[in-house]
C-alpha atoms as a PDB file:
ATOM      1  CA  MET A   1     -25.365  24.872 -26.661  1.00  0.00           C
ATOM      2  CA  LYS A   2     -27.991  24.683 -23.912  1.00  0.00           C
ATOM      3  CA  TYR A   3     -25.319  24.830 -21.192  1.00  0.00           C
ATOM      4  CA  LEU A   4     -23.845  27.944 -22.780  1.00  0.00           C
ATOM      5  CA  LEU A   5     -27.266  29.603 -22.877  1.00  0.00           C
ATOM      6  CA  ILE A   6     -27.849  28.733 -19.214  1.00  0.00           C
ATOM      7  CA  LEU A   7     -24.425  30.161 -18.350  1.00  0.00           C
ATOM      8  CA  LEU A   8     -25.153  33.413 -20.178  1.00  0.00           C
ATOM      9  CA  THR A   9     -28.591  33.630 -18.528  1.00  0.00           C
ATOM     10  CA  ILE A  10     -27.040  33.215 -15.088  1.00  0.00           C
ATOM     11  CA  ARG A  11     -24.477  35.919 -15.837  1.00  0.00           C
ATOM     12  CA  PHE A  12     -27.260  38.247 -16.981  1.00  0.00           C
ATOM     13  CA  PHE A  13     -29.324  37.524 -13.858  1.00  0.00           C
ATOM     14  CA  GLU A  14     -26.292  38.000 -11.619  1.00  0.00           C
ATOM     15  CA  LEU A  15     -25.367  41.384 -13.087  1.00  0.00           C
ATOM     16  CA  ILE A  16     -28.886  42.824 -13.430  1.00  0.00           C
ATOM     17  CA  PHE A  17     -30.984  41.429 -10.590  1.00  0.00           C
ATOM     18  CA  ILE A  18     -28.577  40.539  -7.771  1.00  0.00           C
ATOM     19  CA  GLU A  19     -28.828  44.049  -6.316  1.00  0.00           C
ATOM     20  CA  GLN A  20     -32.569  43.510  -5.822  1.00  0.00           C
ATOM     21  CA  PHE A  21     -31.820  41.146  -2.936  1.00  0.00           C
ATOM     22  CA  GLN A  22     -30.453  42.126   0.440  1.00  0.00           C
ATOM     23  CA  GLY A  23     -28.505  40.583   3.324  1.00  0.00           C
ATOM     24  CA  ASN A  24     -27.956  36.848   3.582  1.00  0.00           C
ATOM     25  CA  ILE A  25     -30.150  36.061   0.564  1.00  0.00           C
ATOM     26  CA  GLN A  26     -27.937  38.205  -1.652  1.00  0.00           C
ATOM     27  CA  ILE A  27     -24.781  36.540  -0.280  1.00  0.00           C
ATOM     28  CA  PHE A  28     -26.247  33.060  -0.804  1.00  0.00           C
ATOM     29  CA  LEU A  29     -27.391  33.754  -4.371  1.00  0.00           C
ATOM     30  CA  TRP A  30     -24.158  35.506  -5.320  1.00  0.00           C
ATOM     31  CA  ASN A  31     -21.957  32.608  -4.133  1.00  0.00           C
ATOM     32  CA  SER A  32     -24.269  29.919  -5.528  1.00  0.00           C
ATOM     33  CA  LEU A  33     -24.324  31.534  -8.973  1.00  0.00           C
ATOM     34  CA  LEU A  34     -20.577  32.131  -8.837  1.00  0.00           C
ATOM     35  CA  LEU A  35     -19.875  28.465  -8.048  1.00  0.00           C
ATOM     36  CA  LEU A  36     -22.387  27.229 -10.621  1.00  0.00           C
ATOM     37  CA  GLN A  37     -20.726  29.040 -13.532  1.00  0.00           C
ATOM     38  CA  PRO A  38     -17.494  26.943 -13.730  1.00  0.00           C
ATOM     39  CA  ILE A  39     -19.647  23.777 -13.693  1.00  0.00           C
ATOM     40  CA  LEU A  40     -21.618  24.967 -16.707  1.00  0.00           C
ATOM     41  CA  LEU A  41     -18.425  26.131 -18.429  1.00  0.00           C
ATOM     42  CA  CYS A  42     -16.879  22.667 -17.946  1.00  0.00           C
ATOM     43  CA  LEU A  43     -20.016  21.061 -19.418  1.00  0.00           C
ATOM     44  CA  VAL A  44     -19.683  23.331 -22.458  1.00  0.00           C
ATOM     45  CA  ILE A  45     -15.988  22.422 -22.875  1.00  0.00           C
ATOM     46  CA  ASN A  46     -16.821  18.723 -22.546  1.00  0.00           C
ATOM     47  CA  LYS A  47     -19.238  19.044 -25.475  1.00  0.00           C
ATOM     48  CA  VAL A  48     -16.790  20.747 -27.836  1.00  0.00           C
ATOM     49  CA  ALA A  49     -13.458  19.204 -26.777  1.00  0.00           C
ATOM     50  CA  ARG A  50     -12.122  16.252 -28.774  1.00  0.00           C
ATOM     51  CA  ASP A  51      -8.689  15.713 -27.219  1.00  0.00           C
ATOM     52  CA  LYS A  52      -8.656  13.091 -24.447  1.00  0.00           C
ATOM     53  CA  LYS A  53      -6.177  15.007 -22.261  1.00  0.00           C
ATOM     54  CA  ILE A  54      -8.310  18.145 -22.422  1.00  0.00           C
ATOM     55  CA  LYS A  55     -11.342  16.081 -21.430  1.00  0.00           C
ATOM     56  CA  VAL A  56      -9.492  14.609 -18.444  1.00  0.00           C
ATOM     57  CA  VAL A  57      -8.294  18.024 -17.217  1.00  0.00           C
ATOM     58  CA  ASN A  58     -11.785  19.383 -17.780  1.00  0.00           C
ATOM     59  CA  PHE A  59     -13.271  16.504 -15.785  1.00  0.00           C
ATOM     60  CA  VAL A  60     -10.984  17.271 -12.840  1.00  0.00           C
ATOM     61  CA  ALA A  61     -12.028  20.942 -13.013  1.00  0.00           C
ATOM     62  CA  LEU A  62     -15.678  19.868 -13.138  1.00  0.00           C
ATOM     63  CA  PHE A  63     -15.197  17.621 -10.122  1.00  0.00           C
ATOM     64  CA  VAL A  64     -13.494  20.374  -8.097  1.00  0.00           C
ATOM     65  CA  SER A  65     -16.283  22.807  -9.027  1.00  0.00           C
ATOM     66  CA  PHE A  66     -18.940  20.336  -7.872  1.00  0.00           C
ATOM     67  CA  VAL A  67     -17.107  19.769  -4.580  1.00  0.00           C
ATOM     68  CA  MET A  68     -16.864  23.514  -3.930  1.00  0.00           C
ATOM     69  CA  LEU A  69     -20.572  24.013  -4.687  1.00  0.00           C
ATOM     70  CA  ILE A  70     -21.675  21.072  -2.522  1.00  0.00           C
ATOM     71  CA  ASN A  71     -19.391  22.159   0.296  1.00  0.00           C
ATOM     72  CA  PHE A  72     -20.759  25.715   0.193  1.00  0.00           C
ATOM     73  CA  LEU A  73     -24.384  24.524   0.177  1.00  0.00           C
ATOM     74  CA  SER A  74     -23.788  22.130   3.067  1.00  0.00           C
ATOM     75  CA  GLU A  75     -22.015  24.829   5.074  1.00  0.00           C
ATOM     76  CA  TRP A  76     -24.894  27.241   4.426  1.00  0.00           C
ATOM     77  CA  VAL A  77     -27.901  24.951   4.850  1.00  0.00           C
ATOM     78  CA  PHE A  78     -26.522  22.982   7.814  1.00  0.00           C
ATOM     79  CA  PHE A  79     -24.638  25.833   9.443  1.00  0.00           C
ATOM     80  CA  GLU A  80     -25.665  24.852  12.995  1.00  0.00           C
ATOM     81  CA  LYS A  81     -25.639  21.093  12.391  1.00  0.00           C
ATOM     82  CA  TYR A  82     -22.027  20.017  12.566  1.00  0.00           C
ATOM     83  CA  ASP A  83     -22.830  16.299  12.209  1.00  0.00           C
ATOM     84  CA  VAL A  84     -24.653  16.822   8.902  1.00  0.00           C
ATOM     85  CA  ARG A  85     -21.811  18.949   7.511  1.00  0.00           C
ATOM     86  CA  LEU A  86     -19.321  16.285   8.598  1.00  0.00           C
ATOM     87  CA  TRP A  87     -21.283  13.573   6.778  1.00  0.00           C
ATOM     88  CA  CYS A  88     -21.450  15.726   3.657  1.00  0.00           C
ATOM     89  CA  ASN A  89     -17.668  16.093   3.638  1.00  0.00           C
ATOM     90  CA  LEU A  90     -17.181  12.387   4.329  1.00  0.00           C
ATOM     91  CA  PHE A  91     -19.484  11.570   1.409  1.00  0.00           C
ATOM     92  CA  ILE A  92     -17.401  13.787  -0.872  1.00  0.00           C
ATOM     93  CA  PHE A  93     -14.066  12.217   0.055  1.00  0.00           C
ATOM     94  CA  VAL A  94     -15.221   8.614   0.580  1.00  0.00           C
ATOM     95  CA  VAL A  95     -17.636   8.292  -2.356  1.00  0.00           C
ATOM     96  CA  VAL A  96     -17.274  11.166  -4.828  1.00  0.00           C
ATOM     97  CA  VAL A  97     -13.459  11.322  -4.890  1.00  0.00           C
ATOM     98  CA  PRO A  98     -12.888   7.552  -5.456  1.00  0.00           C
ATOM     99  CA  LEU A  99     -15.562   7.397  -8.169  1.00  0.00           C
ATOM    100  CA  SER A 100     -14.084  10.432  -9.908  1.00  0.00           C
ATOM    101  CA  ALA A 101     -10.560   9.011  -9.652  1.00  0.00           C
ATOM    102  CA  ASN A 102     -11.821   5.754 -11.142  1.00  0.00           C
ATOM    103  CA  ALA A 103     -13.402   7.649 -14.035  1.00  0.00           C
ATOM    104  CA  VAL A 104     -10.123   9.473 -14.742  1.00  0.00           C
ATOM    105  CA  PHE A 105      -8.220   6.186 -14.466  1.00  0.00           C
ATOM    106  CA  ARG A 106     -10.530   4.518 -16.996  1.00  0.00           C
ATOM    107  CA  THR A 107     -10.230   7.507 -19.315  1.00  0.00           C
ATOM    108  CA  LEU A 108      -6.429   7.303 -19.276  1.00  0.00           C
ATOM    109  CA  THR A 109      -6.424   3.553 -19.889  1.00  0.00           C
ATOM    110  CA  PRO A 110      -5.782   2.849 -23.583  1.00  0.00           C
ATOM    111  CA  LYS A 111      -7.527  -0.063 -25.310  1.00  0.00           C
ATOM    112  CA  SER A 112      -5.330  -3.020 -26.167  1.00  0.00           C
ATOM    113  CA  ALA A 113      -4.924  -4.034 -29.819  1.00  0.00           C
ATOM    114  CA  ASN A 114      -5.140  -7.646 -31.003  1.00  0.00           C
ATOM    115  CA  LEU A 115      -1.762  -9.330 -31.311  1.00  0.00           C
ATOM    116  CA  ASP A 116      -0.432 -10.023 -34.821  1.00  0.00           C
ATOM    117  CA  VAL A 117       3.098 -11.487 -34.887  1.00  0.00           C
ATOM    118  CA  LYS A 118       3.777  -9.681 -38.175  1.00  0.00           C
ATOM    119  CA  LYS A 119       3.107  -6.247 -36.643  1.00  0.00           C
ATOM    120  CA  SER A 120       4.876  -3.981 -34.160  1.00  0.00           C
ATOM    121  CA  TYR A 121       3.523  -2.851 -30.790  1.00  0.00           C
ATOM    122  CA  ILE A 122       4.389  -0.835 -27.742  1.00  0.00           C
ATOM    123  CA  VAL A 123       3.657  -3.053 -24.736  1.00  0.00           C
ATOM    124  CA  LEU A 124       2.438  -1.331 -21.567  1.00  0.00           C
ATOM    125  CA  LYS A 125       2.509  -3.200 -18.289  1.00  0.00           C
ATOM    126  CA  ARG A 126       1.189  -2.375 -14.854  1.00  0.00           C
ATOM    127  CA  PRO A 127       3.929  -1.455 -12.335  1.00  0.00           C
ATOM    128  CA  SER A 128       5.636  -4.298 -10.491  1.00  0.00           C
ATOM    129  CA  ASP A 129       8.494  -2.450  -8.758  1.00  0.00           C
ATOM    130  CA  LEU A 130       9.366   0.935  -7.231  1.00  0.00           C
ATOM    131  CA  PHE A 131      10.454   2.498 -10.539  1.00  0.00           C
ATOM    132  CA  GLY A 132       7.227   1.330 -12.153  1.00  0.00           C
ATOM    133  CA  LEU A 133       5.163   2.915  -9.400  1.00  0.00           C
ATOM    134  CA  VAL A 134       7.024   6.214  -9.801  1.00  0.00           C
ATOM    135  CA  ALA A 135       6.639   6.066 -13.598  1.00  0.00           C
ATOM    136  CA  ALA A 136       2.912   5.351 -13.220  1.00  0.00           C
ATOM    137  CA  LEU A 137       2.494   8.774 -11.613  1.00  0.00           C
ATOM    138  CA  PHE A 138       3.288  10.319 -15.010  1.00  0.00           C
ATOM    139  CA  THR A 139       2.118   7.569 -17.375  1.00  0.00           C
ATOM    140  CA  ALA A 140      -0.939   6.306 -15.491  1.00  0.00           C
ATOM    141  CA  PRO A 141      -2.103   3.632 -15.244  1.00  0.00           C
ATOM    142  CA  TYR A 142       0.989   1.806 -16.581  1.00  0.00           C
ATOM    143  CA  GLY A 143       4.489   1.805 -15.157  1.00  0.00           C
ATOM    144  CA  HIS A 144       6.514  -0.283 -17.637  1.00  0.00           C
ATOM    145  CA  CYS A 145       7.005  -0.029 -21.380  1.00  0.00           C
ATOM    146  CA  SER A 146       8.583  -2.356 -23.966  1.00  0.00           C
ATOM    147  CA  LEU A 147       8.450  -3.064 -27.706  1.00  0.00           C
ATOM    148  CA  VAL A 148       7.372  -6.097 -29.728  1.00  0.00           C
ATOM    149  CA  THR A 149       8.077  -6.528 -33.417  1.00  0.00           C
ATOM    150  CA  LYS A 150       7.887  -9.680 -35.553  1.00  0.00           C
ATOM    151  CA  GLY A 151       7.258 -11.730 -32.414  1.00  0.00           C
ATOM    152  CA  LYS A 152      10.458 -10.507 -30.719  1.00  0.00           C
ATOM    153  CA  TRP A 153      10.265  -8.659 -27.432  1.00  0.00           C
ATOM    154  CA  PHE A 154      12.685  -5.846 -26.606  1.00  0.00           C
ATOM    155  CA  LYS A 155      12.667  -4.742 -22.972  1.00  0.00           C
ATOM    156  CA  PHE A 156      14.925  -3.532 -20.205  1.00  0.00           C
ATOM    157  CA  LYS A 157      15.841  -6.400 -17.899  1.00  0.00           C
ATOM    158  CA  LYS A 158      18.529  -6.457 -15.201  1.00  0.00           C
ATOM    159  CA  GLY A 159      19.750  -3.022 -16.205  1.00  0.00           C
ATOM    160  CA  SER A 160      20.115  -3.485 -19.966  1.00  0.00           C
ATOM    161  CA  LEU A 161      18.000  -3.764 -23.102  1.00  0.00           C
ATOM    162  CA  GLN A 162      17.475  -7.401 -24.070  1.00  0.00           C
ATOM    163  CA  GLU A 163      15.824  -9.337 -26.909  1.00  0.00           C
ATOM    164  CA  LEU A 164      13.420 -12.115 -25.913  1.00  0.00           C
ATOM    165  CA  ASP A 165      10.646 -14.180 -27.437  1.00  0.00           C
ATOM    166  CA  TYR A 166       7.364 -12.441 -26.709  1.00  0.00           C
ATOM    167  CA  LYS A 167       4.997 -14.158 -24.289  1.00  0.00           C
ATOM    168  CA  HIS A 168       1.642 -12.426 -24.152  1.00  0.00           C
ATOM    169  CA  ASN A 169      -0.138 -11.791 -20.874  1.00  0.00           C
ATOM    170  CA  GLU A 170      -3.701 -10.539 -20.441  1.00  0.00           C
ATOM    171  CA  ASP A 171      -2.394  -7.796 -18.139  1.00  0.00           C
ATOM    172  CA  TYR A 172      -0.427  -6.273 -21.028  1.00  0.00           C
ATOM    173  CA  CYS A 173      -1.808  -3.495 -23.192  1.00  0.00           C
ATOM    174  CA  LEU A 174      -0.680  -3.492 -26.838  1.00  0.00           C
ATOM    175  CA  ILE A 175      -0.481  -0.180 -28.698  1.00  0.00           C
ATOM    176  CA  LYS A 176      -0.112  -0.730 -32.437  1.00  0.00           C
ATOM    177  CA  ILE A 177       2.626   1.354 -34.103  1.00  0.00           C
ATOM    178  CA  ASP A 178       4.290   1.565 -37.513  1.00  0.00           C
ATOM    179  CA  ASN A 179       6.363  -1.519 -38.259  1.00  0.00           C
ATOM    180  CA  VAL A 180       9.824  -1.432 -36.683  1.00  0.00           C
ATOM    181  CA  LYS A 181      12.614  -3.317 -38.462  1.00  0.00           C
ATOM    182  CA  LEU A 182      14.407  -5.933 -36.375  1.00  0.00           C
ATOM    183  CA  SER A 183      17.748  -4.716 -37.733  1.00  0.00           C
ATOM    184  CA  GLU A 184      16.941  -1.220 -36.418  1.00  0.00           C
ATOM    185  CA  ILE A 185      15.882  -2.121 -32.901  1.00  0.00           C
ATOM    186  CA  ARG A 186      18.609  -4.748 -32.492  1.00  0.00           C
ATOM    187  CA  LYS A 187      21.180  -1.966 -32.676  1.00  0.00           C
ATOM    188  CA  LEU A 188      19.994  -0.921 -29.202  1.00  0.00           C
ATOM    189  CA  VAL A 189      20.346  -4.365 -27.596  1.00  0.00           C
ATOM    190  CA  GLY A 190      22.760  -4.217 -24.675  1.00  0.00           C
ATOM    191  CA  MET A 191      22.136  -0.525 -24.000  1.00  0.00           C
ATOM    192  CA  LYS A 192      22.362   0.229 -20.277  1.00  0.00           C
ATOM    193  CA  TRP A 193      19.387   1.646 -18.408  1.00  0.00           C
ATOM    194  CA  SER A 194      19.723   5.282 -17.317  1.00  0.00           C
ATOM    195  CA  LEU A 195      17.510   8.278 -16.660  1.00  0.00           C
ATOM    196  CA  ARG A 196      18.042   9.349 -20.280  1.00  0.00           C
ATOM    197  CA  ASN A 197      17.783   5.840 -21.722  1.00  0.00           C
ATOM    198  CA  ASN A 198      14.921   3.972 -20.116  1.00  0.00           C
ATOM    199  CA  CYS A 199      11.860   2.102 -21.304  1.00  0.00           C
ATOM    200  CA  PHE A 200       9.755   5.217 -21.864  1.00  0.00           C
ATOM    201  CA  THR A 201      12.366   7.445 -23.510  1.00  0.00           C
ATOM    202  CA  THR A 202      13.599   4.571 -25.696  1.00  0.00           C
ATOM    203  CA  PHE A 203      10.321   3.066 -26.915  1.00  0.00           C
ATOM    204  CA  ASN A 204       7.887   5.983 -26.890  1.00  0.00           C
ATOM    205  CA  LYS A 205       9.678   7.571 -29.851  1.00  0.00           C
ATOM    206  CA  TYR A 206       8.399   4.655 -31.928  1.00  0.00           C
ATOM    207  CA  LYS A 207       4.914   5.260 -30.612  1.00  0.00           C
ATOM    208  CA  ARG A 208       4.969   8.788 -32.057  1.00  0.00           C
ATOM    209  CA  THR A 209       6.031   7.674 -35.521  1.00  0.00           C
END
């Protein structure tokens, strides 16, 4: 609520009092207030949003807004000091960008459930090949997907869907789903991998049940 009030106050100040200033001061205030508004709006959205994807998109927007504001201030304050402006930009891309990317990465990382051999799970695995790396661009931070039910592991291996005994690894992330009958999933054993029938298109439908 406080961020919304600040945002409305800034808008009121900008519309009513900005004409009272002249020259460079007016330009500086106008741009500073303009760049500050999306930051406050993102803070408001972060307070009211509940969906994780909305929060991630909002975080990226907040980050971009901060970068634009910092870049404008550095350009204005250190206009004749190229070295200082260069260090400001290096700080943004060497420190701010990696930390922000790490925050988004951690936000997208689901928490692993505890393994129960009587239950069913979607198993996410970090990428280990080229396809996994490509898939991770859309399903970050994991690039492989499989299914475990009643202790049996169903995964694509050597171009086809196979049934194996599940061997847990600490690098795996288990997403608990509704129980899947062995008789149901075994009907898919032997299915060839394709763009339409791959680990994500085959197993994610169980995740949504």
